[in-house]
Structure formats: structure tokens, C-alpha cells
Amino acid sequence: MTPIRRAYRHPHAAPFRKIPDGFLRCLRLVLRGESGMSTAEYAIGTLTAAAFASVLYMLVTSDFVTEALTSLLRQALSGQSR
């Protein structure tokens, strides 16, 4: 009996006993998976995160966003509504 199948021997788990063995085998393979990124995947992930951070920084420091945030903050502090 597979470890996943053994987990469903609880008396209140009767509906789960009807799960096909093929599905449980696939579930076990998916859950086992690899335990982390390789060096190349880590490097690509780091570069992607750095690129996203730089685009986000450029967007937030743009004149349009700065003006919008400043006016929103002024309205909130003065008690005015839009």
C-alpha cells in the first residue's frame, strides 16, 4: 500500500478511498519534485527580479506618478474628497 493511500485509512476518510491509484501516483511525483533551483535558474530568477525592480523604480519615480501620489496625499491630509 502506498504512503499516500495509507494516509486515507482514517475512518472518516471514506470518500478519499475511491481515489484511483494512477492519480495518487501522479500526485506523489508532483509533490516529490525537485527541491530547489539549479544555479542557472537561480541566476535567471535573480536577473528577472532585478529588472522588474528597476522598471518599478523608474515607474514610481516618474513625474506623473509622483504628482498623482502627492495630490492624493494632500487630499487625504486636508480632508477633501475627490
N, C-alpha and C. Protein backbone atom coordinates (compact mmCIF):
# COMPACT_ATOMS: atom_id res chain seq x y z
N MET A 1 0.85 -1.18 0.00
CA MET A 1 0.00 0.00 0.00
C MET A 1 0.90 1.24 0.00
N THR A 2 0.57 2.21 -0.83
CA THR A 2 1.39 3.41 -0.94
C THR A 2 1.23 4.28 0.30
N PRO A 3 2.23 5.12 0.62
CA PRO A 3 2.12 6.00 1.78
C PRO A 3 0.93 6.95 1.68
N ILE A 4 0.64 7.44 0.46
CA ILE A 4 -0.49 8.35 0.32
C ILE A 4 -1.79 7.59 0.56
N ARG A 5 -1.89 6.37 0.03
CA ARG A 5 -3.09 5.56 0.22
C ARG A 5 -3.25 5.22 1.71
N ARG A 6 -2.14 4.96 2.40
CA ARG A 6 -2.18 4.63 3.82
C ARG A 6 -2.72 5.81 4.64
N ALA A 7 -2.49 7.03 4.17
CA ALA A 7 -2.96 8.20 4.90
C ALA A 7 -4.48 8.29 4.93
N TYR A 8 -5.13 7.63 4.00
CA TYR A 8 -6.58 7.69 3.92
C TYR A 8 -7.27 6.52 4.60
N ARG A 9 -6.64 5.85 5.53
CA ARG A 9 -7.25 4.74 6.25
C ARG A 9 -8.06 5.21 7.45
N HIS A 10 -8.07 6.50 7.66
CA HIS A 10 -8.85 7.06 8.75
C HIS A 10 -10.32 6.76 8.52
N PRO A 11 -11.09 6.42 9.56
CA PRO A 11 -12.49 6.03 9.36
C PRO A 11 -13.36 7.12 8.72
N HIS A 12 -13.03 8.38 8.93
CA HIS A 12 -13.84 9.46 8.37
C HIS A 12 -13.38 9.85 6.97
N ALA A 13 -12.43 9.14 6.43
CA ALA A 13 -11.90 9.48 5.11
C ALA A 13 -12.41 8.54 4.03
N ALA A 14 -13.58 7.98 4.20
CA ALA A 14 -14.13 7.02 3.24
C ALA A 14 -14.24 7.59 1.83
N PRO A 15 -14.65 8.85 1.62
CA PRO A 15 -14.73 9.36 0.24
C PRO A 15 -13.39 9.38 -0.46
N PHE A 16 -12.30 9.52 0.30
CA PHE A 16 -10.98 9.59 -0.31
C PHE A 16 -10.47 8.22 -0.71
N ARG A 17 -11.05 7.16 -0.22
CA ARG A 17 -10.59 5.81 -0.57
C ARG A 17 -10.89 5.47 -2.02
N LYS A 18 -11.76 6.22 -2.65
CA LYS A 18 -12.13 5.94 -4.03
C LYS A 18 -11.23 6.64 -5.04
N ILE A 19 -10.17 7.29 -4.56
CA ILE A 19 -9.23 7.96 -5.45
C ILE A 19 -8.44 6.89 -6.20
N PRO A 20 -8.37 6.97 -7.55
CA PRO A 20 -7.63 5.96 -8.31
C PRO A 20 -6.14 5.98 -8.00
N ASP A 21 -5.51 4.80 -8.10
CA ASP A 21 -4.08 4.70 -7.81
C ASP A 21 -3.24 5.53 -8.78
N GLY A 22 -3.67 5.65 -10.04
CA GLY A 22 -2.92 6.44 -11.02
C GLY A 22 -2.84 7.90 -10.63
N PHE A 23 -3.94 8.42 -10.12
CA PHE A 23 -3.94 9.81 -9.67
C PHE A 23 -3.00 9.99 -8.49
N LEU A 24 -3.04 9.03 -7.57
CA LEU A 24 -2.15 9.13 -6.40
C LEU A 24 -0.68 9.04 -6.80
N ARG A 25 -0.40 8.21 -7.80
CA ARG A 25 0.98 8.10 -8.28
C ARG A 25 1.44 9.42 -8.88
N CYS A 26 0.58 10.06 -9.69
CA CYS A 26 0.92 11.36 -10.28
C CYS A 26 1.07 12.42 -9.20
N LEU A 27 0.18 12.40 -8.23
CA LEU A 27 0.27 13.36 -7.13
C LEU A 27 1.57 13.20 -6.37
N ARG A 28 1.98 11.98 -6.13
CA ARG A 28 3.23 11.72 -5.42
C ARG A 28 4.43 12.24 -6.21
N LEU A 29 4.41 12.05 -7.55
CA LEU A 29 5.51 12.55 -8.38
C LEU A 29 5.57 14.07 -8.39
N VAL A 30 4.40 14.70 -8.44
CA VAL A 30 4.37 16.17 -8.44
C VAL A 30 4.85 16.72 -7.11
N LEU A 31 4.40 16.13 -6.02
CA LEU A 31 4.78 16.63 -4.70
C LEU A 31 6.25 16.37 -4.39
N ARG A 32 6.80 15.29 -4.94
CA ARG A 32 8.20 14.99 -4.66
C ARG A 32 9.09 16.01 -5.35
N GLY A 33 8.93 16.19 -6.65
CA GLY A 33 9.61 17.23 -7.42
C GLY A 33 11.07 17.44 -7.10
N GLU A 34 11.59 18.54 -7.58
CA GLU A 34 12.96 18.92 -7.28
C GLU A 34 12.94 19.86 -6.09
N SER A 35 14.00 19.85 -5.34
CA SER A 35 13.99 20.61 -4.09
C SER A 35 14.71 21.94 -4.21
N GLY A 36 14.59 22.61 -5.31
CA GLY A 36 15.20 23.92 -5.43
C GLY A 36 15.65 24.22 -6.84
N MET A 37 16.16 25.40 -7.02
CA MET A 37 16.60 25.82 -8.35
C MET A 37 18.06 25.46 -8.53
N SER A 38 18.43 25.18 -9.77
CA SER A 38 19.83 25.00 -10.09
C SER A 38 20.48 26.38 -10.22
N THR A 39 21.76 26.40 -10.42
CA THR A 39 22.49 27.67 -10.47
C THR A 39 22.00 28.54 -11.63
N ALA A 40 21.75 27.94 -12.79
CA ALA A 40 21.28 28.73 -13.95
C ALA A 40 19.90 29.31 -13.68
N GLU A 41 19.01 28.51 -13.11
CA GLU A 41 17.67 29.01 -12.80
C GLU A 41 17.74 30.11 -11.75
N TYR A 42 18.62 29.96 -10.79
CA TYR A 42 18.78 30.98 -9.76
C TYR A 42 19.27 32.29 -10.37
N ALA A 43 20.22 32.20 -11.31
CA ALA A 43 20.76 33.40 -11.96
C ALA A 43 19.69 34.10 -12.79
N ILE A 44 18.91 33.34 -13.55
CA ILE A 44 17.85 33.93 -14.36
C ILE A 44 16.79 34.56 -13.46
N GLY A 45 16.43 33.89 -12.38
CA GLY A 45 15.46 34.44 -11.44
C GLY A 45 15.94 35.73 -10.81
N THR A 46 17.21 35.78 -10.46
CA THR A 46 17.79 36.99 -9.86
C THR A 46 17.80 38.14 -10.86
N LEU A 47 18.19 37.85 -12.11
CA LEU A 47 18.19 38.90 -13.14
C LEU A 47 16.78 39.41 -13.42
N THR A 48 15.83 38.50 -13.45
CA THR A 48 14.44 38.91 -13.69
C THR A 48 13.93 39.80 -12.56
N ALA A 49 14.24 39.43 -11.33
CA ALA A 49 13.82 40.24 -10.19
C ALA A 49 14.48 41.61 -10.21
N ALA A 50 15.75 41.67 -10.57
CA ALA A 50 16.45 42.96 -10.64
C ALA A 50 15.87 43.83 -11.75
N ALA A 51 15.54 43.24 -12.89
CA ALA A 51 14.95 44.00 -13.99
C ALA A 51 13.57 44.53 -13.60
N PHE A 52 12.78 43.70 -12.96
CA PHE A 52 11.45 44.13 -12.51
C PHE A 52 11.57 45.25 -11.49
N ALA A 53 12.52 45.15 -10.57
CA ALA A 53 12.72 46.19 -9.56
C ALA A 53 13.13 47.51 -10.21
N SER A 54 13.98 47.46 -11.22
CA SER A 54 14.41 48.70 -11.87
C SER A 54 13.26 49.35 -12.64
N VAL A 55 12.45 48.54 -13.31
CA VAL A 55 11.29 49.10 -14.02
C VAL A 55 10.30 49.69 -13.04
N LEU A 56 10.07 49.01 -11.93
CA LEU A 56 9.16 49.53 -10.91
C LEU A 56 9.69 50.83 -10.31
N TYR A 57 10.99 50.91 -10.06
CA TYR A 57 11.60 52.13 -9.53
C TYR A 57 11.44 53.29 -10.51
N MET A 58 11.69 53.01 -11.80
CA MET A 58 11.54 54.07 -12.80
C MET A 58 10.09 54.53 -12.89
N LEU A 59 9.15 53.62 -12.76
CA LEU A 59 7.74 53.98 -12.82
C LEU A 59 7.33 54.82 -11.62
N VAL A 60 7.74 54.42 -10.43
CA VAL A 60 7.34 55.12 -9.22
C VAL A 60 7.99 56.50 -9.13
N THR A 61 9.18 56.65 -9.64
CA THR A 61 9.86 57.95 -9.57
C THR A 61 9.55 58.85 -10.76
N SER A 62 8.67 58.41 -11.67
CA SER A 62 8.31 59.26 -12.80
C SER A 62 7.49 60.45 -12.31
N ASP A 63 7.46 61.51 -13.12
CA ASP A 63 6.76 62.73 -12.73
C ASP A 63 5.26 62.51 -12.55
N PHE A 64 4.66 61.73 -13.45
CA PHE A 64 3.22 61.50 -13.38
C PHE A 64 2.82 60.81 -12.07
N VAL A 65 3.53 59.76 -11.71
CA VAL A 65 3.20 59.01 -10.50
C VAL A 65 3.49 59.85 -9.27
N THR A 66 4.60 60.59 -9.28
CA THR A 66 4.94 61.44 -8.14
C THR A 66 3.86 62.50 -7.92
N GLU A 67 3.40 63.14 -8.99
CA GLU A 67 2.35 64.14 -8.87
C GLU A 67 1.04 63.52 -8.38
N ALA A 68 0.70 62.35 -8.90
CA ALA A 68 -0.55 61.69 -8.50
C ALA A 68 -0.51 61.32 -7.02
N LEU A 69 0.60 60.77 -6.56
CA LEU A 69 0.72 60.40 -5.15
C LEU A 69 0.73 61.63 -4.25
N THR A 70 1.39 62.71 -4.70
CA THR A 70 1.43 63.93 -3.91
C THR A 70 0.03 64.54 -3.78
N SER A 71 -0.71 64.58 -4.88
CA SER A 71 -2.06 65.16 -4.80
C SER A 71 -2.98 64.28 -3.97
N LEU A 72 -2.84 62.98 -4.07
CA LEU A 72 -3.64 62.07 -3.26
C LEU A 72 -3.34 62.25 -1.78
N LEU A 73 -2.08 62.40 -1.44
CA LEU A 73 -1.69 62.61 -0.05
C LEU A 73 -2.20 63.96 0.47
N ARG A 74 -2.10 64.98 -0.37
CA ARG A 74 -2.62 66.30 0.05
C ARG A 74 -4.12 66.26 0.29
N GLN A 75 -4.85 65.58 -0.58
CA GLN A 75 -6.30 65.47 -0.40
C GLN A 75 -6.64 64.70 0.86
N ALA A 76 -5.89 63.65 1.13
CA ALA A 76 -6.16 62.85 2.33
C ALA A 76 -5.87 63.64 3.59
N LEU A 77 -4.82 64.43 3.61
CA LEU A 77 -4.47 65.19 4.80
C LEU A 77 -5.37 66.40 5.01
N SER A 78 -5.89 66.96 3.91
CA SER A 78 -6.75 68.12 4.05
C SER A 78 -8.20 67.74 4.29
N GLY A 79 -8.55 66.49 4.11
CA GLY A 79 -9.92 66.04 4.34
C GLY A 79 -10.84 66.23 3.15
N GLN A 80 -10.32 66.58 2.01
CA GLN A 80 -11.13 66.77 0.81
C GLN A 80 -11.41 65.41 0.18
N SER A 81 -12.56 65.34 -0.49
CA SER A 81 -12.85 64.13 -1.26
C SER A 81 -12.72 64.45 -2.73
N ARG A 82 -12.63 63.43 -3.54
CA ARG A 82 -12.45 63.64 -4.99
C ARG A 82 -13.67 64.16 -5.62
